[in-house]
Amino acid sequence: KVIQTGYLQIDVENSNDAVRQIRTIAETHKGFLISSNFSESPTGERRASAQIKVPFDKFAAAIDEIKQAARFVALESINSQDVTEEYIDLQSQLKNLRAEETQYIGIMERATKIEDVLNVASRLADVRGRIESIEGRIKYYDARTDFSIINVDMTEERVVTAPADKWRPLDNAKKQVQLLIVRLQEFVDNIVAFAFWLVGVVPYLFILGIILWVIKKMISRRRSENAQDATRK
């Protein structure tokens, strides 16, 4: 019991066609397409993804055919997980639990007291719950080992086209001139605002200058008087 999972990252000419081709590859090998997604970026780059299931023995052939359909294979990854030991262990657990279930059924059929019946019924429900859980796990392993999953991410080559009628150099030049004029207007407005601010501040600066000049004169005169007094003494 081996779980196989493959991943391919490829470049394609057309993502829609590539997804259809991948779906055809899966169906040719008795598999099927699980899901597909498409997306396109603002720059025009288109991407797609697809997930398929193919029979275990067709896994390698499907991988090769998908690679042949690609322009370029950017990445390839294959993962194999051997679950044989766990699968056998689950089978063994299931066998023991079914034997235990049979025993509880026999005990319940022979029980005469309600208390005994309820006690056995509780244990029987627990065993059956464990049986269902293991059976679900076994079914999962059967499904994953009978069919393998292949995930494919596709990037479509972006087609570069001339701007044609969308390219209008005169209109662009006009917009740039208008933008330049707006910026010049803002520059002149800032100069005018600074000039008015300066005119409003100058009188205060003049008064402050006079006050500082008077204070300086007073300090100078005070120092001169102190020096004369010291000389006389």
C-alpha atoms as a PDB file:
ATOM      1  CA  LYS A   1       0.000   0.000   0.000  1.00  0.00           C
ATOM      2  CA  VAL A   2       1.760   3.128  -1.309  1.00  0.00           C
ATOM      3  CA  ILE A   3       0.299   6.635  -1.528  1.00  0.00           C
ATOM      4  CA  GLN A   4       1.691   8.518  -4.536  1.00  0.00           C
ATOM      5  CA  THR A   5       1.416  12.293  -4.971  1.00  0.00           C
ATOM      6  CA  GLY A   6       2.900  14.283  -7.834  1.00  0.00           C
ATOM      7  CA  TYR A   7       3.417  18.013  -8.350  1.00  0.00           C
ATOM      8  CA  LEU A   8       4.342  19.808 -11.574  1.00  0.00           C
ATOM      9  CA  GLN A   9       4.967  23.495 -12.195  1.00  0.00           C
ATOM     10  CA  ILE A  10       4.929  24.151 -15.933  1.00  0.00           C
ATOM     11  CA  ASP A  11       4.768  26.922 -18.531  1.00  0.00           C
ATOM     12  CA  VAL A  12       2.074  26.598 -21.186  1.00  0.00           C
ATOM     13  CA  GLU A  13       1.000  28.512 -24.258  1.00  0.00           C
ATOM     14  CA  ASN A  14      -2.665  28.652 -23.273  1.00  0.00           C
ATOM     15  CA  SER A  15      -3.885  27.816 -19.773  1.00  0.00           C
ATOM     16  CA  ASN A  16      -7.439  26.951 -20.848  1.00  0.00           C
ATOM     17  CA  ASP A  17      -6.205  24.514 -23.468  1.00  0.00           C
ATOM     18  CA  ALA A  18      -3.691  23.061 -21.018  1.00  0.00           C
ATOM     19  CA  VAL A  19      -6.364  22.318 -18.399  1.00  0.00           C
ATOM     20  CA  ARG A  20      -8.522  20.623 -21.034  1.00  0.00           C
ATOM     21  CA  GLN A  21      -5.544  18.565 -22.155  1.00  0.00           C
ATOM     22  CA  ILE A  22      -4.730  17.527 -18.582  1.00  0.00           C
ATOM     23  CA  ARG A  23      -8.344  16.490 -18.087  1.00  0.00           C
ATOM     24  CA  THR A  24      -8.188  14.391 -21.253  1.00  0.00           C
ATOM     25  CA  ILE A  25      -4.973  12.730 -20.026  1.00  0.00           C
ATOM     26  CA  ALA A  26      -6.675  11.797 -16.751  1.00  0.00           C
ATOM     27  CA  GLU A  27      -9.772  10.407 -18.462  1.00  0.00           C
ATOM     28  CA  THR A  28      -7.660   8.453 -20.957  1.00  0.00           C
ATOM     29  CA  HIS A  29      -6.089   6.628 -18.018  1.00  0.00           C
ATOM     30  CA  LYS A  30      -9.488   5.959 -16.359  1.00  0.00           C
ATOM     31  CA  GLY A  31      -9.016   8.871 -13.981  1.00  0.00           C
ATOM     32  CA  PHE A  32     -10.766  12.222 -13.595  1.00  0.00           C
ATOM     33  CA  LEU A  33     -10.290  15.942 -12.978  1.00  0.00           C
ATOM     34  CA  ILE A  34     -10.847  16.892  -9.330  1.00  0.00           C
ATOM     35  CA  SER A  35     -10.610  20.689  -9.628  1.00  0.00           C
ATOM     36  CA  SER A  36      -9.271  23.537 -11.756  1.00  0.00           C
ATOM     37  CA  ASN A  37      -8.685  27.251 -11.137  1.00  0.00           C
ATOM     38  CA  PHE A  38      -7.828  30.249 -13.302  1.00  0.00           C
ATOM     39  CA  SER A  39      -6.460  33.694 -12.408  1.00  0.00           C
ATOM     40  CA  GLU A  40      -5.031  36.765 -14.150  1.00  0.00           C
ATOM     41  CA  SER A  41      -2.771  39.438 -12.658  1.00  0.00           C
ATOM     42  CA  PRO A  42      -3.111  43.202 -13.344  1.00  0.00           C
ATOM     43  CA  THR A  43      -0.079  42.914 -15.632  1.00  0.00           C
ATOM     44  CA  GLY A  44      -1.866  40.351 -17.798  1.00  0.00           C
ATOM     45  CA  GLU A  45      -0.079  37.227 -16.554  1.00  0.00           C
ATOM     46  CA  ARG A  46      -2.509  34.294 -16.557  1.00  0.00           C
ATOM     47  CA  ARG A  47      -2.191  31.318 -14.254  1.00  0.00           C
ATOM     48  CA  ALA A  48      -4.108  28.090 -13.815  1.00  0.00           C
ATOM     49  CA  SER A  49      -4.029  25.012 -11.617  1.00  0.00           C
ATOM     50  CA  ALA A  50      -5.495  21.538 -11.944  1.00  0.00           C
ATOM     51  CA  GLN A  51      -5.729  18.494  -9.719  1.00  0.00           C
ATOM     52  CA  ILE A  52      -6.381  15.051 -11.152  1.00  0.00           C
ATOM     53  CA  LYS A  53      -6.654  11.461  -9.936  1.00  0.00           C
ATOM     54  CA  VAL A  54      -5.350   8.533 -11.957  1.00  0.00           C
ATOM     55  CA  PRO A  55      -5.043   4.809 -11.157  1.00  0.00           C
ATOM     56  CA  PHE A  56      -1.900   3.926  -9.237  1.00  0.00           C
ATOM     57  CA  ASP A  57      -0.339   2.034 -12.144  1.00  0.00           C
ATOM     58  CA  LYS A  58      -0.985   4.952 -14.563  1.00  0.00           C
ATOM     59  CA  PHE A  59       0.687   7.578 -12.390  1.00  0.00           C
ATOM     60  CA  ALA A  60       4.071   7.664 -14.159  1.00  0.00           C
ATOM     61  CA  ALA A  61       2.502   7.644 -17.632  1.00  0.00           C
ATOM     62  CA  ALA A  62       0.197  10.561 -16.752  1.00  0.00           C
ATOM     63  CA  ILE A  63       3.136  12.573 -15.353  1.00  0.00           C
ATOM     64  CA  ASP A  64       5.133  12.052 -18.550  1.00  0.00           C
ATOM     65  CA  GLU A  65       2.218  13.062 -20.807  1.00  0.00           C
ATOM     66  CA  ILE A  66       1.592  16.264 -18.845  1.00  0.00           C
ATOM     67  CA  LYS A  67       5.280  17.168 -19.114  1.00  0.00           C
ATOM     68  CA  GLN A  68       5.180  16.576 -22.879  1.00  0.00           C
ATOM     69  CA  ALA A  69       2.232  18.980 -23.157  1.00  0.00           C
ATOM     70  CA  ALA A  70       4.196  21.773 -21.440  1.00  0.00           C
ATOM     71  CA  ARG A  71       6.455  24.346 -23.047  1.00  0.00           C
ATOM     72  CA  PHE A  72       8.780  24.165 -20.057  1.00  0.00           C
ATOM     73  CA  VAL A  73       8.839  22.181 -16.807  1.00  0.00           C
ATOM     74  CA  ALA A  74       9.944  24.482 -13.999  1.00  0.00           C
ATOM     75  CA  LEU A  75       9.507  22.022 -11.137  1.00  0.00           C
ATOM     76  CA  GLU A  76       8.702  18.351 -10.687  1.00  0.00           C
ATOM     77  CA  SER A  77       8.132  16.635  -7.354  1.00  0.00           C
ATOM     78  CA  ILE A  78       6.970  13.088  -6.616  1.00  0.00           C
ATOM     79  CA  ASN A  79       6.236  11.825  -3.122  1.00  0.00           C
ATOM     80  CA  SER A  80       5.613   8.177  -2.188  1.00  0.00           C
ATOM     81  CA  GLN A  81       4.418   7.128   1.256  1.00  0.00           C
ATOM     82  CA  ASP A  82       4.407   3.463   2.197  1.00  0.00           C
ATOM     83  CA  VAL A  83       1.462   2.768   4.528  1.00  0.00           C
ATOM     84  CA  THR A  84       1.525  -1.032   4.254  1.00  0.00           C
ATOM     85  CA  GLU A  85       2.497  -1.599   7.886  1.00  0.00           C
ATOM     86  CA  GLU A  86      -0.199   0.698   9.235  1.00  0.00           C
ATOM     87  CA  TYR A  87      -2.754  -0.793   6.836  1.00  0.00           C
ATOM     88  CA  ILE A  88      -2.018  -4.323   8.073  1.00  0.00           C
ATOM     89  CA  ASP A  89      -2.201  -3.114  11.668  1.00  0.00           C
ATOM     90  CA  LEU A  90      -5.618  -1.576  11.019  1.00  0.00           C
ATOM     91  CA  GLN A  91      -6.829  -4.803   9.465  1.00  0.00           C
ATOM     92  CA  SER A  92      -5.676  -6.693  12.557  1.00  0.00           C
ATOM     93  CA  GLN A  93      -7.362  -4.220  14.910  1.00  0.00           C
ATOM     94  CA  LEU A  94     -10.568  -4.465  12.885  1.00  0.00           C
ATOM     95  CA  LYS A  95     -10.542  -8.266  13.100  1.00  0.00           C
ATOM     96  CA  ASN A  96     -10.110  -8.180  16.894  1.00  0.00           C
ATOM     97  CA  LEU A  97     -12.801  -5.555  17.356  1.00  0.00           C
ATOM     98  CA  ARG A  98     -15.288  -7.538  15.286  1.00  0.00           C
ATOM     99  CA  ALA A  99     -14.560 -10.608  17.405  1.00  0.00           C
ATOM    100  CA  GLU A 100     -15.122  -8.491  20.513  1.00  0.00           C
ATOM    101  CA  GLU A 101     -18.357  -7.173  19.006  1.00  0.00           C
ATOM    102  CA  THR A 102     -19.588 -10.755  18.445  1.00  0.00           C
ATOM    103  CA  GLN A 103     -18.840 -11.624  22.056  1.00  0.00           C
ATOM    104  CA  TYR A 104     -20.767  -8.637  23.394  1.00  0.00           C
ATOM    105  CA  ILE A 105     -23.727  -9.485  21.176  1.00  0.00           C
ATOM    106  CA  GLY A 106     -23.742 -13.036  22.584  1.00  0.00           C
ATOM    107  CA  ILE A 107     -23.530 -11.752  26.165  1.00  0.00           C
ATOM    108  CA  MET A 108     -26.384  -9.316  25.562  1.00  0.00           C
ATOM    109  CA  GLU A 109     -28.575 -12.089  24.176  1.00  0.00           C
ATOM    110  CA  ARG A 110     -27.993 -14.138  27.344  1.00  0.00           C
ATOM    111  CA  ALA A 111     -28.314 -11.266  29.800  1.00  0.00           C
ATOM    112  CA  THR A 112     -31.420 -11.267  31.970  1.00  0.00           C
ATOM    113  CA  LYS A 113     -30.869  -8.191  34.147  1.00  0.00           C
ATOM    114  CA  ILE A 114     -31.487  -4.690  32.830  1.00  0.00           C
ATOM    115  CA  GLU A 115     -28.277  -3.496  34.491  1.00  0.00           C
ATOM    116  CA  ASP A 116     -26.232  -6.118  32.637  1.00  0.00           C
ATOM    117  CA  VAL A 117     -27.953  -5.318  29.345  1.00  0.00           C
ATOM    118  CA  LEU A 118     -27.204  -1.586  29.724  1.00  0.00           C
ATOM    119  CA  ASN A 119     -23.588  -2.249  30.677  1.00  0.00           C
ATOM    120  CA  VAL A 120     -22.999  -4.553  27.697  1.00  0.00           C
ATOM    121  CA  ALA A 121     -24.847  -2.165  25.356  1.00  0.00           C
ATOM    122  CA  SER A 122     -22.506   0.678  26.404  1.00  0.00           C
ATOM    123  CA  ARG A 123     -19.406  -1.407  25.701  1.00  0.00           C
ATOM    124  CA  LEU A 124     -20.877  -2.640  22.425  1.00  0.00           C
ATOM    125  CA  ALA A 125     -21.514   0.953  21.287  1.00  0.00           C
ATOM    126  CA  ASP A 126     -17.908   1.846  22.116  1.00  0.00           C
ATOM    127  CA  VAL A 127     -16.565  -1.113  20.130  1.00  0.00           C
ATOM    128  CA  ARG A 128     -18.779  -0.312  17.151  1.00  0.00           C
ATOM    129  CA  GLY A 129     -17.594   3.315  17.211  1.00  0.00           C
ATOM    130  CA  ARG A 130     -13.976   2.146  17.064  1.00  0.00           C
ATOM    131  CA  ILE A 131     -14.867  -0.260  14.251  1.00  0.00           C
ATOM    132  CA  GLU A 132     -16.408   2.561  12.200  1.00  0.00           C
ATOM    133  CA  SER A 133     -13.346   4.747  12.775  1.00  0.00           C
ATOM    134  CA  ILE A 134     -10.935   2.020  11.628  1.00  0.00           C
ATOM    135  CA  GLU A 135     -13.142   1.112   8.662  1.00  0.00           C
ATOM    136  CA  GLY A 136     -13.090   4.765   7.614  1.00  0.00           C
ATOM    137  CA  ARG A 137      -9.311   4.844   7.854  1.00  0.00           C
ATOM    138  CA  ILE A 138      -9.017   1.648   5.794  1.00  0.00           C
ATOM    139  CA  LYS A 139     -11.364   3.067   3.120  1.00  0.00           C
ATOM    140  CA  TYR A 140      -9.236   6.211   2.997  1.00  0.00           C
ATOM    141  CA  TYR A 141      -6.060   4.187   2.451  1.00  0.00           C
ATOM    142  CA  ASP A 142      -7.798   2.090  -0.201  1.00  0.00           C
ATOM    143  CA  ALA A 143      -8.897   5.209  -2.059  1.00  0.00           C
ATOM    144  CA  ARG A 144      -5.482   6.925  -1.777  1.00  0.00           C
ATOM    145  CA  THR A 145      -3.513   3.869  -2.835  1.00  0.00           C
ATOM    146  CA  ASP A 146      -5.808   2.771  -5.640  1.00  0.00           C
ATOM    147  CA  PHE A 147      -5.679   6.274  -7.165  1.00  0.00           C
ATOM    148  CA  SER A 148      -2.795   8.743  -7.165  1.00  0.00           C
ATOM    149  CA  ILE A 149      -3.139  12.537  -7.107  1.00  0.00           C
ATOM    150  CA  ILE A 150      -1.291  14.887  -9.458  1.00  0.00           C
ATOM    151  CA  ASN A 151      -1.296  18.650  -8.821  1.00  0.00           C
ATOM    152  CA  VAL A 152      -0.307  20.937 -11.705  1.00  0.00           C
ATOM    153  CA  ASP A 153       0.390  24.688 -11.538  1.00  0.00           C
ATOM    154  CA  MET A 154       0.515  26.416 -14.928  1.00  0.00           C
ATOM    155  CA  THR A 155       1.869  29.791 -15.991  1.00  0.00           C
ATOM    156  CA  GLU A 156       0.805  31.094 -19.359  1.00  0.00           C
ATOM    157  CA  GLU A 157       3.297  32.985 -21.482  1.00  0.00           C
ATOM    158  CA  ARG A 158       2.190  36.618 -21.432  1.00  0.00           C
ATOM    159  CA  VAL A 159       1.509  38.026 -24.890  1.00  0.00           C
ATOM    160  CA  VAL A 160       3.113  41.443 -25.339  1.00  0.00           C
ATOM    161  CA  THR A 161       1.061  43.685 -27.636  1.00  0.00           C
ATOM    162  CA  ALA A 162       1.705  47.180 -28.932  1.00  0.00           C
ATOM    163  CA  PRO A 163      -0.282  49.927 -27.187  1.00  0.00           C
ATOM    164  CA  ALA A 164      -1.774  50.955 -30.574  1.00  0.00           C
ATOM    165  CA  ASP A 165      -4.503  53.587 -30.143  1.00  0.00           C
ATOM    166  CA  LYS A 166      -4.024  53.669 -26.366  1.00  0.00           C
ATOM    167  CA  TRP A 167      -0.647  55.363 -26.799  1.00  0.00           C
ATOM    168  CA  ARG A 168      -1.202  59.137 -27.062  1.00  0.00           C
ATOM    169  CA  PRO A 169       2.101  60.958 -26.532  1.00  0.00           C
ATOM    170  CA  LEU A 170       0.571  64.428 -27.136  1.00  0.00           C
ATOM    171  CA  ASP A 171      -2.060  63.869 -24.465  1.00  0.00           C
ATOM    172  CA  ASN A 172       0.610  62.644 -22.096  1.00  0.00           C
ATOM    173  CA  ALA A 173       2.779  65.688 -22.813  1.00  0.00           C
ATOM    174  CA  LYS A 174      -0.229  67.961 -22.205  1.00  0.00           C
ATOM    175  CA  LYS A 175      -0.873  66.320 -18.851  1.00  0.00           C
ATOM    176  CA  GLN A 176       2.771  66.732 -17.857  1.00  0.00           C
ATOM    177  CA  VAL A 177       2.713  70.454 -18.797  1.00  0.00           C
ATOM    178  CA  GLN A 178      -0.463  70.957 -16.766  1.00  0.00           C
ATOM    179  CA  LEU A 179       1.150  69.190 -13.823  1.00  0.00           C
ATOM    180  CA  LEU A 180       4.230  71.428 -14.152  1.00  0.00           C
ATOM    181  CA  ILE A 181       2.051  74.557 -14.164  1.00  0.00           C
ATOM    182  CA  VAL A 182       0.233  73.402 -11.049  1.00  0.00           C
ATOM    183  CA  ARG A 183       3.529  72.820  -9.275  1.00  0.00           C
ATOM    184  CA  LEU A 184       4.827  76.274 -10.331  1.00  0.00           C
ATOM    185  CA  GLN A 185       1.641  77.832  -8.996  1.00  0.00           C
ATOM    186  CA  GLU A 186       2.120  76.055  -5.701  1.00  0.00           C
ATOM    187  CA  PHE A 187       5.749  77.247  -5.579  1.00  0.00           C
ATOM    188  CA  VAL A 188       4.745  80.900  -6.208  1.00  0.00           C
ATOM    189  CA  ASP A 189       1.952  80.657  -3.629  1.00  0.00           C
ATOM    190  CA  ASN A 190       4.471  79.422  -1.066  1.00  0.00           C
ATOM    191  CA  ILE A 191       6.852  82.309  -1.838  1.00  0.00           C
ATOM    192  CA  VAL A 192       4.043  84.852  -1.467  1.00  0.00           C
ATOM    193  CA  ALA A 193       2.923  83.322   1.792  1.00  0.00           C
ATOM    194  CA  PHE A 194       6.504  83.418   3.096  1.00  0.00           C
ATOM    195  CA  ALA A 195       6.859  87.082   2.075  1.00  0.00           C
ATOM    196  CA  PHE A 196       3.696  88.065   3.939  1.00  0.00           C
ATOM    197  CA  TRP A 197       4.865  86.141   6.956  1.00  0.00           C
ATOM    198  CA  LEU A 198       8.215  87.917   6.829  1.00  0.00           C
ATOM    199  CA  VAL A 199       6.542  91.351   6.583  1.00  0.00           C
ATOM    200  CA  GLY A 200       4.473  90.547   9.627  1.00  0.00           C
ATOM    201  CA  VAL A 201       7.491  89.395  11.622  1.00  0.00           C
ATOM    202  CA  VAL A 202       9.920  92.276  10.755  1.00  0.00           C
ATOM    203  CA  PRO A 203       8.348  94.886  13.122  1.00  0.00           C
ATOM    204  CA  TYR A 204       8.594  92.476  16.012  1.00  0.00           C
ATOM    205  CA  LEU A 205      12.187  91.722  15.121  1.00  0.00           C
ATOM    206  CA  PHE A 206      12.918  95.501  14.993  1.00  0.00           C
ATOM    207  CA  ILE A 207      11.410  96.055  18.430  1.00  0.00           C
ATOM    208  CA  LEU A 208      13.264  93.066  19.828  1.00  0.00           C
ATOM    209  CA  GLY A 209      16.497  94.433  18.372  1.00  0.00           C
ATOM    210  CA  ILE A 210      15.961  97.814  20.066  1.00  0.00           C
ATOM    211  CA  ILE A 211      15.274  96.146  23.397  1.00  0.00           C
ATOM    212  CA  LEU A 212      18.421  94.054  23.122  1.00  0.00           C
ATOM    213  CA  TRP A 213      20.455  97.141  22.151  1.00  0.00           C
ATOM    214  CA  VAL A 214      19.171  99.067  25.193  1.00  0.00           C
ATOM    215  CA  ILE A 215      19.925  96.142  27.500  1.00  0.00           C
ATOM    216  CA  LYS A 216      23.426  95.881  26.048  1.00  0.00           C
ATOM    217  CA  LYS A 217      24.029  99.620  26.589  1.00  0.00           C
ATOM    218  CA  MET A 218      22.818  99.419  30.182  1.00  0.00           C
ATOM    219  CA  ILE A 219      25.076  96.460  30.903  1.00  0.00           C
ATOM    220  CA  SER A 220      28.048  98.247  29.300  1.00  0.00           C
ATOM    221  CA  ARG A 221      27.397 101.426  31.284  1.00  0.00           C
ATOM    222  CA  ARG A 222      27.082  99.443  34.507  1.00  0.00           C
ATOM    223  CA  ARG A 223      30.402  97.738  33.909  1.00  0.00           C
ATOM    224  CA  SER A 224      32.059 101.112  33.190  1.00  0.00           C
ATOM    225  CA  GLU A 225      30.743 102.624  36.412  1.00  0.00           C
ATOM    226  CA  ASN A 226      31.941  99.633  38.422  1.00  0.00           C
ATOM    227  CA  ALA A 227      35.389  99.932  36.872  1.00  0.00           C
ATOM    228  CA  GLN A 228      35.611 103.668  37.744  1.00  0.00           C
ATOM    229  CA  ASP A 229      34.586 103.006  41.374  1.00  0.00           C
ATOM    230  CA  ALA A 230      37.229 100.333  41.682  1.00  0.00           C
ATOM    231  CA  THR A 231      39.895 102.742  40.352  1.00  0.00           C
ATOM    232  CA  ARG A 232      38.976 105.470  42.828  1.00  0.00           C
ATOM    233  CA  LYS A 233      39.280 103.103  45.757  1.00  0.00           C
END
